[in-house]
Amino acid sequence: MAKSSFKSEEVMTLCDAGVESYIKDKNKAEVSNRLNEGMTGAVFATGLYLLFGGVNQFNYKMVLAPFLAGAAYSAVGIMQTKNKDTDYRMAFEQVCSNVRTENDEDADE
């Protein structure tokens, strides 16, 4: 029961903050995840290159290329977040309208 009320309070706080705040938080999380994935992949690819002979024949282009690919991956993620705004808005409205309906029913009782 306490867990349910905690989630309910969390949802109420989210709904009170507004849809723009919700979309901004979702976009921020999406961009952060893309950046983490891109840079993790770049570090992994660079590590493999250096591990398998890159130290002996160091080529800065082979080290720089994965980081450029990771940055491009992140940039694509930034562009894609703008396409998801409508989906986030619809999800927000659906959840918050259900919460408002429940609150109205509780107030009537």
PDB file of N, CA and C in Angstrom:
ATOM      1  N   MET A   1       0.829  -1.185   0.000  1.00  0.00           N
ATOM      2  CA  MET A   1       0.000   0.000   0.000  1.00  0.00           C
ATOM      3  C   MET A   1       0.877   1.254   0.000  1.00  0.00           C
ATOM      4  N   ALA A   2       1.943   1.253   0.784  1.00  0.00           N
ATOM      5  CA  ALA A   2       2.829   2.419   0.839  1.00  0.00           C
ATOM      6  C   ALA A   2       3.541   2.617  -0.492  1.00  0.00           C
ATOM      7  N   LYS A   3       3.882   1.513  -1.128  1.00  0.00           N
ATOM      8  CA  LYS A   3       4.561   1.611  -2.411  1.00  0.00           C
ATOM      9  C   LYS A   3       3.633   2.230  -3.452  1.00  0.00           C
ATOM     10  N   SER A   4       2.360   1.855  -3.420  1.00  0.00           N
ATOM     11  CA  SER A   4       1.379   2.393  -4.356  1.00  0.00           C
ATOM     12  C   SER A   4       1.184   3.891  -4.141  1.00  0.00           C
ATOM     13  N   SER A   5       1.121   4.329  -2.884  1.00  0.00           N
ATOM     14  CA  SER A   5       0.933   5.750  -2.623  1.00  0.00           C
ATOM     15  C   SER A   5       2.169   6.546  -3.035  1.00  0.00           C
ATOM     16  N   PHE A   6       3.357   5.932  -2.876  1.00  0.00           N
ATOM     17  CA  PHE A   6       4.585   6.603  -3.320  1.00  0.00           C
ATOM     18  C   PHE A   6       4.552   6.816  -4.817  1.00  0.00           C
ATOM     19  N   LYS A   7       4.177   5.791  -5.569  1.00  0.00           N
ATOM     20  CA  LYS A   7       4.106   5.924  -7.025  1.00  0.00           C
ATOM     21  C   LYS A   7       3.041   6.929  -7.414  1.00  0.00           C
ATOM     22  N   SER A   8       1.944   6.932  -6.685  1.00  0.00           N
ATOM     23  CA  SER A   8       0.877   7.884  -6.969  1.00  0.00           C
ATOM     24  C   SER A   8       1.359   9.317  -6.734  1.00  0.00           C
ATOM     25  N   GLU A   9       2.095   9.538  -5.665  1.00  0.00           N
ATOM     26  CA  GLU A   9       2.639  10.870  -5.391  1.00  0.00           C
ATOM     27  C   GLU A   9       3.649  11.271  -6.455  1.00  0.00           C
ATOM     28  N   GLU A  10       4.437  10.314  -6.909  1.00  0.00           N
ATOM     29  CA  GLU A  10       5.423  10.588  -7.957  1.00  0.00           C
ATOM     30  C   GLU A  10       4.727  10.993  -9.254  1.00  0.00           C
ATOM     31  N   VAL A  11       3.667  10.294  -9.587  1.00  0.00           N
ATOM     32  CA  VAL A  11       2.913  10.611 -10.801  1.00  0.00           C
ATOM     33  C   VAL A  11       2.248  11.977 -10.658  1.00  0.00           C
ATOM     34  N   MET A  12       1.714  12.263  -9.489  1.00  0.00           N
ATOM     35  CA  MET A  12       1.082  13.568  -9.259  1.00  0.00           C
ATOM     36  C   MET A  12       2.101  14.699  -9.421  1.00  0.00           C
ATOM     37  N   THR A  13       3.299  14.499  -8.881  1.00  0.00           N
ATOM     38  CA  THR A  13       4.357  15.504  -9.009  1.00  0.00           C
ATOM     39  C   THR A  13       4.713  15.714 -10.473  1.00  0.00           C
ATOM     40  N   LEU A  14       4.794  14.611 -11.205  1.00  0.00           N
ATOM     41  CA  LEU A  14       5.103  14.676 -12.632  1.00  0.00           C
ATOM     42  C   LEU A  14       4.012  15.424 -13.385  1.00  0.00           C
ATOM     43  N   CYS A  15       2.770  15.129 -13.073  1.00  0.00           N
ATOM     44  CA  CYS A  15       1.652  15.800 -13.755  1.00  0.00           C
ATOM     45  C   CYS A  15       1.591  17.276 -13.396  1.00  0.00           C
ATOM     46  N   ASP A  16       1.894  17.602 -12.148  1.00  0.00           N
ATOM     47  CA  ASP A  16       1.880  19.007 -11.731  1.00  0.00           C
ATOM     48  C   ASP A  16       2.979  19.812 -12.412  1.00  0.00           C
ATOM     49  N   ALA A  17       4.102  19.167 -12.728  1.00  0.00           N
ATOM     50  CA  ALA A  17       5.221  19.861 -13.376  1.00  0.00           C
ATOM     51  C   ALA A  17       4.867  20.287 -14.796  1.00  0.00           C
ATOM     52  N   GLY A  18       4.002  19.539 -15.445  1.00  0.00           N
ATOM     53  CA  GLY A  18       3.564  19.907 -16.793  1.00  0.00           C
ATOM     54  C   GLY A  18       4.204  19.078 -17.884  1.00  0.00           C
ATOM     55  N   VAL A  19       3.590  19.119 -19.033  1.00  0.00           N
ATOM     56  CA  VAL A  19       4.004  18.292 -20.158  1.00  0.00           C
ATOM     57  C   VAL A  19       5.364  18.725 -20.710  1.00  0.00           C
ATOM     58  N   GLU A  20       5.629  20.016 -20.732  1.00  0.00           N
ATOM     59  CA  GLU A  20       6.910  20.485 -21.278  1.00  0.00           C
ATOM     60  C   GLU A  20       8.077  20.001 -20.423  1.00  0.00           C
ATOM     61  N   SER A  21       7.898  20.004 -19.121  1.00  0.00           N
ATOM     62  CA  SER A  21       8.933  19.511 -18.216  1.00  0.00           C
ATOM     63  C   SER A  21       9.155  18.014 -18.429  1.00  0.00           C
ATOM     64  N   TYR A  22       8.073  17.287 -18.611  1.00  0.00           N
ATOM     65  CA  TYR A  22       8.157  15.837 -18.851  1.00  0.00           C
ATOM     66  C   TYR A  22       8.915  15.549 -20.146  1.00  0.00           C
ATOM     67  N   ILE A  23       8.560  16.257 -21.207  1.00  0.00           N
ATOM     68  CA  ILE A  23       9.226  16.050 -22.500  1.00  0.00           C
ATOM     69  C   ILE A  23      10.701  16.408 -22.400  1.00  0.00           C
ATOM     70  N   LYS A  24      11.004  17.497 -21.726  1.00  0.00           N
ATOM     71  CA  LYS A  24      12.396  17.915 -21.567  1.00  0.00           C
ATOM     72  C   LYS A  24      13.196  16.844 -20.821  1.00  0.00           C
ATOM     73  N   ASP A  25      12.626  16.284 -19.754  1.00  0.00           N
ATOM     74  CA  ASP A  25      13.318  15.237 -18.997  1.00  0.00           C
ATOM     75  C   ASP A  25      13.527  13.977 -19.834  1.00  0.00           C
ATOM     76  N   LYS A  26      12.514  13.589 -20.596  1.00  0.00           N
ATOM     77  CA  LYS A  26      12.635  12.404 -21.443  1.00  0.00           C
ATOM     78  C   LYS A  26      13.695  12.606 -22.523  1.00  0.00           C
ATOM     79  N   ASN A  27      13.704  13.780 -23.143  1.00  0.00           N
ATOM     80  CA  ASN A  27      14.697  14.069 -24.179  1.00  0.00           C
ATOM     81  C   ASN A  27      16.107  14.096 -23.595  1.00  0.00           C
ATOM     82  N   LYS A  28      16.239  14.678 -22.417  1.00  0.00           N
ATOM     83  CA  LYS A  28      17.541  14.744 -21.755  1.00  0.00           C
ATOM     84  C   LYS A  28      18.062  13.336 -21.460  1.00  0.00           C
ATOM     85  N   ALA A  29      17.185  12.466 -20.982  1.00  0.00           N
ATOM     86  CA  ALA A  29      17.582  11.088 -20.689  1.00  0.00           C
ATOM     87  C   ALA A  29      17.965  10.347 -21.967  1.00  0.00           C
ATOM     88  N   GLU A  30      17.216  10.570 -23.027  1.00  0.00           N
ATOM     89  CA  GLU A  30      17.494   9.908 -24.313  1.00  0.00           C
ATOM     90  C   GLU A  30      18.851  10.340 -24.875  1.00  0.00           C
ATOM     91  N   VAL A  31      19.126  11.624 -24.845  1.00  0.00           N
ATOM     92  CA  VAL A  31      20.401  12.144 -25.357  1.00  0.00           C
ATOM     93  C   VAL A  31      21.557  11.634 -24.500  1.00  0.00           C
ATOM     94  N   SER A  32      21.358  11.620 -23.198  1.00  0.00           N
ATOM     95  CA  SER A  32      22.395  11.127 -22.291  1.00  0.00           C
ATOM     96  C   SER A  32      22.702   9.652 -22.566  1.00  0.00           C
ATOM     97  N   ASN A  33      21.665   8.863 -22.772  1.00  0.00           N
ATOM     98  CA  ASN A  33      21.878   7.441 -23.083  1.00  0.00           C
ATOM     99  C   ASN A  33      22.622   7.267 -24.402  1.00  0.00           C
ATOM    100  N   ARG A  34      22.248   8.044 -25.408  1.00  0.00           N
ATOM    101  CA  ARG A  34      22.928   7.942 -26.702  1.00  0.00           C
ATOM    102  C   ARG A  34      24.386   8.344 -26.597  1.00  0.00           C
ATOM    103  N   LEU A  35      24.655   9.384 -25.835  1.00  0.00           N
ATOM    104  CA  LEU A  35      26.027   9.839 -25.651  1.00  0.00           C
ATOM    105  C   LEU A  35      26.844   8.769 -24.933  1.00  0.00           C
ATOM    106  N   ASN A  36      26.267   8.186 -23.895  1.00  0.00           N
ATOM    107  CA  ASN A  36      26.963   7.113 -23.168  1.00  0.00           C
ATOM    108  C   ASN A  36      27.236   5.910 -24.069  1.00  0.00           C
ATOM    109  N   GLU A  37      26.244   5.509 -24.852  1.00  0.00           N
ATOM    110  CA  GLU A  37      26.425   4.366 -25.744  1.00  0.00           C
ATOM    111  C   GLU A  37      27.480   4.652 -26.810  1.00  0.00           C
ATOM    112  N   GLY A  38      27.440   5.841 -27.398  1.00  0.00           N
ATOM    113  CA  GLY A  38      28.396   6.199 -28.446  1.00  0.00           C
ATOM    114  C   GLY A  38      29.822   6.243 -27.933  1.00  0.00           C
ATOM    115  N   MET A  39      30.023   6.840 -26.781  1.00  0.00           N
ATOM    116  CA  MET A  39      31.376   6.949 -26.238  1.00  0.00           C
ATOM    117  C   MET A  39      31.883   5.614 -25.705  1.00  0.00           C
ATOM    118  N   THR A  40      30.985   4.806 -25.152  1.00  0.00           N
ATOM    119  CA  THR A  40      31.392   3.471 -24.699  1.00  0.00           C
ATOM    120  C   THR A  40      31.849   2.632 -25.890  1.00  0.00           C
ATOM    121  N   GLY A  41      31.094   2.699 -26.983  1.00  0.00           N
ATOM    122  CA  GLY A  41      31.490   1.985 -28.195  1.00  0.00           C
ATOM    123  C   GLY A  41      32.815   2.482 -28.744  1.00  0.00           C
ATOM    124  N   ALA A  42      33.029   3.785 -28.687  1.00  0.00           N
ATOM    125  CA  ALA A  42      34.281   4.360 -29.183  1.00  0.00           C
ATOM    126  C   ALA A  42      35.471   3.911 -28.350  1.00  0.00           C
ATOM    127  N   VAL A  43      35.310   3.923 -27.041  1.00  0.00           N
ATOM    128  CA  VAL A  43      36.397   3.479 -26.158  1.00  0.00           C
ATOM    129  C   VAL A  43      36.678   1.996 -26.380  1.00  0.00           C
ATOM    130  N   PHE A  44      35.622   1.203 -26.533  1.00  0.00           N
ATOM    131  CA  PHE A  44      35.789  -0.233 -26.773  1.00  0.00           C
ATOM    132  C   PHE A  44      36.515  -0.490 -28.096  1.00  0.00           C
ATOM    133  N   ALA A  45      36.084   0.184 -29.159  1.00  0.00           N
ATOM    134  CA  ALA A  45      36.719  -0.008 -30.472  1.00  0.00           C
ATOM    135  C   ALA A  45      38.172   0.452 -30.457  1.00  0.00           C
ATOM    136  N   THR A  46      38.435   1.572 -29.812  1.00  0.00           N
ATOM    137  CA  THR A  46      39.809   2.066 -29.723  1.00  0.00           C
ATOM    138  C   THR A  46      40.675   1.113 -28.909  1.00  0.00           C
ATOM    139  N   GLY A  47      40.123   0.587 -27.833  1.00  0.00           N
ATOM    140  CA  GLY A  47      40.851  -0.377 -27.013  1.00  0.00           C
ATOM    141  C   GLY A  47      41.205  -1.628 -27.795  1.00  0.00           C
ATOM    142  N   LEU A  48      40.257  -2.122 -28.591  1.00  0.00           N
ATOM    143  CA  LEU A  48      40.539  -3.299 -29.425  1.00  0.00           C
ATOM    144  C   LEU A  48      41.636  -3.002 -30.441  1.00  0.00           C
ATOM    145  N   TYR A  49      41.573  -1.824 -31.050  1.00  0.00           N
ATOM    146  CA  TYR A  49      42.588  -1.444 -32.026  1.00  0.00           C
ATOM    147  C   TYR A  49      43.976  -1.406 -31.378  1.00  0.00           C
ATOM    148  N   LEU A  50      44.047  -0.783 -30.221  1.00  0.00           N
ATOM    149  CA  LEU A  50      45.340  -0.674 -29.540  1.00  0.00           C
ATOM    150  C   LEU A  50      45.816  -2.033 -29.040  1.00  0.00           C
ATOM    151  N   LEU A  51      44.886  -2.867 -28.621  1.00  0.00           N
ATOM    152  CA  LEU A  51      45.234  -4.196 -28.114  1.00  0.00           C
ATOM    153  C   LEU A  51      45.793  -5.094 -29.216  1.00  0.00           C
ATOM    154  N   PHE A  52      45.212  -5.015 -30.388  1.00  0.00           N
ATOM    155  CA  PHE A  52      45.624  -5.900 -31.478  1.00  0.00           C
ATOM    156  C   PHE A  52      46.525  -5.207 -32.486  1.00  0.00           C
ATOM    157  N   GLY A  53      47.600  -4.657 -32.026  1.00  0.00           N
ATOM    158  CA  GLY A  53      48.637  -4.171 -32.924  1.00  0.00           C
ATOM    159  C   GLY A  53      48.681  -2.680 -33.130  1.00  0.00           C
ATOM    160  N   GLY A  54      47.731  -1.965 -32.638  1.00  0.00           N
ATOM    161  CA  GLY A  54      47.723  -0.528 -32.844  1.00  0.00           C
ATOM    162  C   GLY A  54      48.829   0.184 -32.099  1.00  0.00           C
ATOM    163  N   VAL A  55      49.307  -0.414 -31.028  1.00  0.00           N
ATOM    164  CA  VAL A  55      50.374   0.217 -30.255  1.00  0.00           C
ATOM    165  C   VAL A  55      51.665   0.234 -31.070  1.00  0.00           C
ATOM    166  N   ASN A  56      51.923  -0.855 -31.789  1.00  0.00           N
ATOM    167  CA  ASN A  56      53.144  -0.949 -32.589  1.00  0.00           C
ATOM    168  C   ASN A  56      53.100  -0.050 -33.822  1.00  0.00           C
ATOM    169  N   GLN A  57      51.913   0.064 -34.426  1.00  0.00           N
ATOM    170  CA  GLN A  57      51.768   0.875 -35.630  1.00  0.00           C
ATOM    171  C   GLN A  57      50.680   1.917 -35.379  1.00  0.00           C
ATOM    172  N   PHE A  58      50.922   2.811 -34.483  1.00  0.00           N
ATOM    173  CA  PHE A  58      49.908   3.774 -34.069  1.00  0.00           C
ATOM    174  C   PHE A  58      49.499   4.686 -35.216  1.00  0.00           C
ATOM    175  N   ASN A  59      48.191   4.765 -35.451  1.00  0.00           N
ATOM    176  CA  ASN A  59      47.625   5.631 -36.472  1.00  0.00           C
ATOM    177  C   ASN A  59      46.515   6.441 -35.799  1.00  0.00           C
ATOM    178  N   TYR A  60      46.715   7.726 -35.657  1.00  0.00           N
ATOM    179  CA  TYR A  60      45.750   8.549 -34.922  1.00  0.00           C
ATOM    180  C   TYR A  60      44.364   8.531 -35.573  1.00  0.00           C
ATOM    181  N   LYS A  61      44.293   8.322 -36.892  1.00  0.00           N
ATOM    182  CA  LYS A  61      42.997   8.263 -37.569  1.00  0.00           C
ATOM    183  C   LYS A  61      42.181   7.069 -37.092  1.00  0.00           C
ATOM    184  N   MET A  62      42.848   5.974 -36.809  1.00  0.00           N
ATOM    185  CA  MET A  62      42.156   4.777 -36.325  1.00  0.00           C
ATOM    186  C   MET A  62      41.682   4.952 -34.881  1.00  0.00           C
ATOM    187  N   VAL A  63      42.264   5.859 -34.167  1.00  0.00           N
ATOM    188  CA  VAL A  63      41.815   6.155 -32.808  1.00  0.00           C
ATOM    189  C   VAL A  63      40.708   7.211 -32.849  1.00  0.00           C
ATOM    190  N   LEU A  64      40.820   8.156 -33.740  1.00  0.00           N
ATOM    191  CA  LEU A  64      39.854   9.238 -33.841  1.00  0.00           C
ATOM    192  C   LEU A  64      38.533   8.789 -34.475  1.00  0.00           C
ATOM    193  N   ALA A  65      38.594   7.872 -35.422  1.00  0.00           N
ATOM    194  CA  ALA A  65      37.406   7.439 -36.167  1.00  0.00           C
ATOM    195  C   ALA A  65      36.287   6.911 -35.263  1.00  0.00           C
ATOM    196  N   PRO A  66      36.561   6.041 -34.300  1.00  0.00           N
ATOM    197  CA  PRO A  66      35.454   5.573 -33.451  1.00  0.00           C
ATOM    198  C   PRO A  66      34.801   6.693 -32.642  1.00  0.00           C
ATOM    199  N   PHE A  67      35.584   7.677 -32.230  1.00  0.00           N
ATOM    200  CA  PHE A  67      35.004   8.780 -31.469  1.00  0.00           C
ATOM    201  C   PHE A  67      34.130   9.665 -32.361  1.00  0.00           C
ATOM    202  N   LEU A  68      34.519   9.820 -33.615  1.00  0.00           N
ATOM    203  CA  LEU A  68      33.677  10.563 -34.558  1.00  0.00           C
ATOM    204  C   LEU A  68      32.381   9.798 -34.827  1.00  0.00           C
ATOM    205  N   ALA A  69      32.487   8.484 -34.951  1.00  0.00           N
ATOM    206  CA  ALA A  69      31.282   7.662 -35.141  1.00  0.00           C
ATOM    207  C   ALA A  69      30.381   7.742 -33.905  1.00  0.00           C
ATOM    208  N   GLY A  70      30.970   7.726 -32.731  1.00  0.00           N
ATOM    209  CA  GLY A  70      30.188   7.861 -31.500  1.00  0.00           C
ATOM    210  C   GLY A  70      29.492   9.202 -31.416  1.00  0.00           C
ATOM    211  N   ALA A  71      30.177  10.259 -31.835  1.00  0.00           N
ATOM    212  CA  ALA A  71      29.572  11.592 -31.844  1.00  0.00           C
ATOM    213  C   ALA A  71      28.427  11.660 -32.857  1.00  0.00           C
ATOM    214  N   ALA A  72      28.607  11.023 -34.004  1.00  0.00           N
ATOM    215  CA  ALA A  72      27.546  10.992 -35.012  1.00  0.00           C
ATOM    216  C   ALA A  72      26.336  10.221 -34.492  1.00  0.00           C
ATOM    217  N   TYR A  73      26.575   9.134 -33.792  1.00  0.00           N
ATOM    218  CA  TYR A  73      25.499   8.347 -33.185  1.00  0.00           C
ATOM    219  C   TYR A  73      24.720   9.207 -32.195  1.00  0.00           C
ATOM    220  N   SER A  74      25.426   9.987 -31.412  1.00  0.00           N
ATOM    221  CA  SER A  74      24.781  10.877 -30.447  1.00  0.00           C
ATOM    222  C   SER A  74      23.987  11.965 -31.156  1.00  0.00           C
ATOM    223  N   ALA A  75      24.529  12.506 -32.233  1.00  0.00           N
ATOM    224  CA  ALA A  75      23.846  13.558 -32.985  1.00  0.00           C
ATOM    225  C   ALA A  75      22.548  13.034 -33.595  1.00  0.00           C
ATOM    226  N   VAL A  76      22.566  11.811 -34.091  1.00  0.00           N
ATOM    227  CA  VAL A  76      21.350  11.203 -34.633  1.00  0.00           C
ATOM    228  C   VAL A  76      20.323  11.050 -33.516  1.00  0.00           C
ATOM    229  N   GLY A  77      20.778  10.677 -32.335  1.00  0.00           N
ATOM    230  CA  GLY A  77      19.879  10.550 -31.188  1.00  0.00           C
ATOM    231  C   GLY A  77      19.222  11.871 -30.830  1.00  0.00           C
ATOM    232  N   ILE A  78      19.980  12.958 -30.919  1.00  0.00           N
ATOM    233  CA  ILE A  78      19.422  14.288 -30.630  1.00  0.00           C
ATOM    234  C   ILE A  78      18.323  14.618 -31.635  1.00  0.00           C
ATOM    235  N   MET A  79      18.558  14.312 -32.907  1.00  0.00           N
ATOM    236  CA  MET A  79      17.548  14.582 -33.926  1.00  0.00           C
ATOM    237  C   MET A  79      16.311  13.710 -33.731  1.00  0.00           C
ATOM    238  N   GLN A  80      16.507  12.466 -33.320  1.00  0.00           N
ATOM    239  CA  GLN A  80      15.383  11.557 -33.147  1.00  0.00           C
ATOM    240  C   GLN A  80      14.515  11.916 -31.943  1.00  0.00           C
ATOM    241  N   THR A  81      15.085  12.563 -30.942  1.00  0.00           N
ATOM    242  CA  THR A  81      14.274  12.918 -29.778  1.00  0.00           C
ATOM    243  C   THR A  81      13.174  13.897 -30.154  1.00  0.00           C
ATOM    244  N   LYS A  82      13.431  14.751 -31.118  1.00  0.00           N
ATOM    245  CA  LYS A  82      12.409  15.703 -31.547  1.00  0.00           C
ATOM    246  C   LYS A  82      11.228  14.982 -32.186  1.00  0.00           C
ATOM    247  N   ASN A  83      11.473  13.841 -32.810  1.00  0.00           N
ATOM    248  CA  ASN A  83      10.397  13.070 -33.430  1.00  0.00           C
ATOM    249  C   ASN A  83       9.527  12.362 -32.399  1.00  0.00           C
ATOM    250  N   LYS A  84      10.038  12.171 -31.204  1.00  0.00           N
ATOM    251  CA  LYS A  84       9.296  11.444 -30.174  1.00  0.00           C
ATOM    252  C   LYS A  84       8.474  12.358 -29.268  1.00  0.00           C
ATOM    253  N   ASP A  85       8.562  13.653 -29.467  1.00  0.00           N
ATOM    254  CA  ASP A  85       7.830  14.592 -28.606  1.00  0.00           C
ATOM    255  C   ASP A  85       6.331  14.322 -28.601  1.00  0.00           C
ATOM    256  N   THR A  86       5.767  14.031 -29.753  1.00  0.00           N
ATOM    257  CA  THR A  86       4.330  13.770 -29.836  1.00  0.00           C
ATOM    258  C   THR A  86       3.959  12.520 -29.046  1.00  0.00           C
ATOM    259  N   ASP A  87       4.777  11.480 -29.149  1.00  0.00           N
ATOM    260  CA  ASP A  87       4.509  10.249 -28.392  1.00  0.00           C
ATOM    261  C   ASP A  87       4.581  10.511 -26.898  1.00  0.00           C
ATOM    262  N   TYR A  88       5.587  11.270 -26.474  1.00  0.00           N
ATOM    263  CA  TYR A  88       5.713  11.603 -25.054  1.00  0.00           C
ATOM    264  C   TYR A  88       4.526  12.426 -24.573  1.00  0.00           C
ATOM    265  N   ARG A  89       4.092  13.360 -25.407  1.00  0.00           N
ATOM    266  CA  ARG A  89       2.950  14.213 -25.039  1.00  0.00           C
ATOM    267  C   ARG A  89       1.685  13.370 -24.878  1.00  0.00           C
ATOM    268  N   MET A  90       1.468  12.426 -25.790  1.00  0.00           N
ATOM    269  CA  MET A  90       0.285  11.568 -25.712  1.00  0.00           C
ATOM    270  C   MET A  90       0.328  10.684 -24.468  1.00  0.00           C
ATOM    271  N   ALA A  91       1.500  10.124 -24.168  1.00  0.00           N
ATOM    272  CA  ALA A  91       1.636   9.277 -22.978  1.00  0.00           C
ATOM    273  C   ALA A  91       1.393  10.095 -21.716  1.00  0.00           C
ATOM    274  N   PHE A  92       1.935  11.308 -21.675  1.00  0.00           N
ATOM    275  CA  PHE A  92       1.743  12.190 -20.521  1.00  0.00           C
ATOM    276  C   PHE A  92       0.262  12.487 -20.327  1.00  0.00           C
ATOM    277  N   GLU A  93      -0.398  12.875 -21.398  1.00  0.00           N
ATOM    278  CA  GLU A  93      -1.819  13.222 -21.302  1.00  0.00           C
ATOM    279  C   GLU A  93      -2.659  12.026 -20.866  1.00  0.00           C
ATOM    280  N   GLN A  94      -2.333  10.854 -21.365  1.00  0.00           N
ATOM    281  CA  GLN A  94      -3.096   9.659 -20.995  1.00  0.00           C
ATOM    282  C   GLN A  94      -2.947   9.356 -19.508  1.00  0.00           C
ATOM    283  N   VAL A  95      -1.728   9.357 -19.011  1.00  0.00           N
ATOM    284  CA  VAL A  95      -1.495   9.040 -17.602  1.00  0.00           C
ATOM    285  C   VAL A  95      -2.086  10.115 -16.704  1.00  0.00           C
ATOM    286  N   CYS A  96      -1.829  11.370 -17.032  1.00  0.00           N
ATOM    287  CA  CYS A  96      -2.296  12.449 -16.158  1.00  0.00           C
ATOM    288  C   CYS A  96      -3.813  12.603 -16.209  1.00  0.00           C
ATOM    289  N   SER A  97      -4.447  12.309 -17.330  1.00  0.00           N
ATOM    290  CA  SER A  97      -5.911  12.370 -17.370  1.00  0.00           C
ATOM    291  C   SER A  97      -6.507  11.269 -16.503  1.00  0.00           C
ATOM    292  N   ASN A  98      -5.856  10.095 -16.461  1.00  0.00           N
ATOM    293  CA  ASN A  98      -6.319   9.023 -15.573  1.00  0.00           C
ATOM    294  C   ASN A  98      -6.156   9.420 -14.116  1.00  0.00           C
ATOM    295  N   VAL A  99      -5.060  10.075 -13.795  1.00  0.00           N
ATOM    296  CA  VAL A  99      -4.820  10.519 -12.418  1.00  0.00           C
ATOM    297  C   VAL A  99      -5.848  11.568 -12.027  1.00  0.00           C
ATOM    298  N   ARG A 100      -6.128  12.503 -12.923  1.00  0.00           N
ATOM    299  CA  ARG A 100      -7.122  13.543 -12.639  1.00  0.00           C
ATOM    300  C   ARG A 100      -8.504  12.925 -12.427  1.00  0.00           C
ATOM    301  N   THR A 101      -8.851  11.909 -13.232  1.00  0.00           N
ATOM    302  CA  THR A 101     -10.141  11.234 -13.100  1.00  0.00           C
ATOM    303  C   THR A 101     -10.230  10.550 -11.741  1.00  0.00           C
ATOM    304  N   GLU A 102      -9.162   9.868 -11.330  1.00  0.00           N
ATOM    305  CA  GLU A 102      -9.150   9.205 -10.023  1.00  0.00           C
ATOM    306  C   GLU A 102      -9.285  10.217  -8.902  1.00  0.00           C
ATOM    307  N   ASN A 103      -8.622  11.358  -9.030  1.00  0.00           N
ATOM    308  CA  ASN A 103      -8.704  12.388  -7.995  1.00  0.00           C
ATOM    309  C   ASN A 103     -10.109  12.987  -7.928  1.00  0.00           C
ATOM    310  N   ASP A 104     -10.747  13.165  -9.075  1.00  0.00           N
ATOM    311  CA  ASP A 104     -12.100  13.683  -9.092  1.00  0.00           C
ATOM    312  C   ASP A 104     -13.072  12.697  -8.432  1.00  0.00           C
ATOM    313  N   GLU A 105     -12.881  11.403  -8.670  1.00  0.00           N
ATOM    314  CA  GLU A 105     -13.721  10.392  -8.041  1.00  0.00           C
ATOM    315  C   GLU A 105     -13.520  10.375  -6.530  1.00  0.00           C
ATOM    316  N   ASP A 106     -12.267  10.517  -6.079  1.00  0.00           N
ATOM    317  CA  ASP A 106     -11.976  10.546  -4.649  1.00  0.00           C
ATOM    318  C   ASP A 106     -12.590  11.776  -4.008  1.00  0.00           C
ATOM    319  N   ALA A 107     -12.596  12.900  -4.694  1.00  0.00           N
ATOM    320  CA  ALA A 107     -13.154  14.123  -4.150  1.00  0.00           C
ATOM    321  C   ALA A 107     -14.678  14.045  -4.037  1.00  0.00           C
ATOM    322  N   ASP A 108     -15.295  13.310  -4.951  1.00  0.00           N
ATOM    323  CA  ASP A 108     -16.759  13.157  -4.926  1.00  0.00           C
ATOM    324  C   ASP A 108     -17.218  12.312  -3.750  1.00  0.00           C
ATOM    325  N   GLU A 109     -16.390  11.426  -3.294  1.00  0.00           N
ATOM    326  CA  GLU A 109     -16.778  10.520  -2.195  1.00  0.00           C
ATOM    327  C   GLU A 109     -16.700  11.173  -0.897  1.00  0.00           C
TER     328      GLU A 109
END
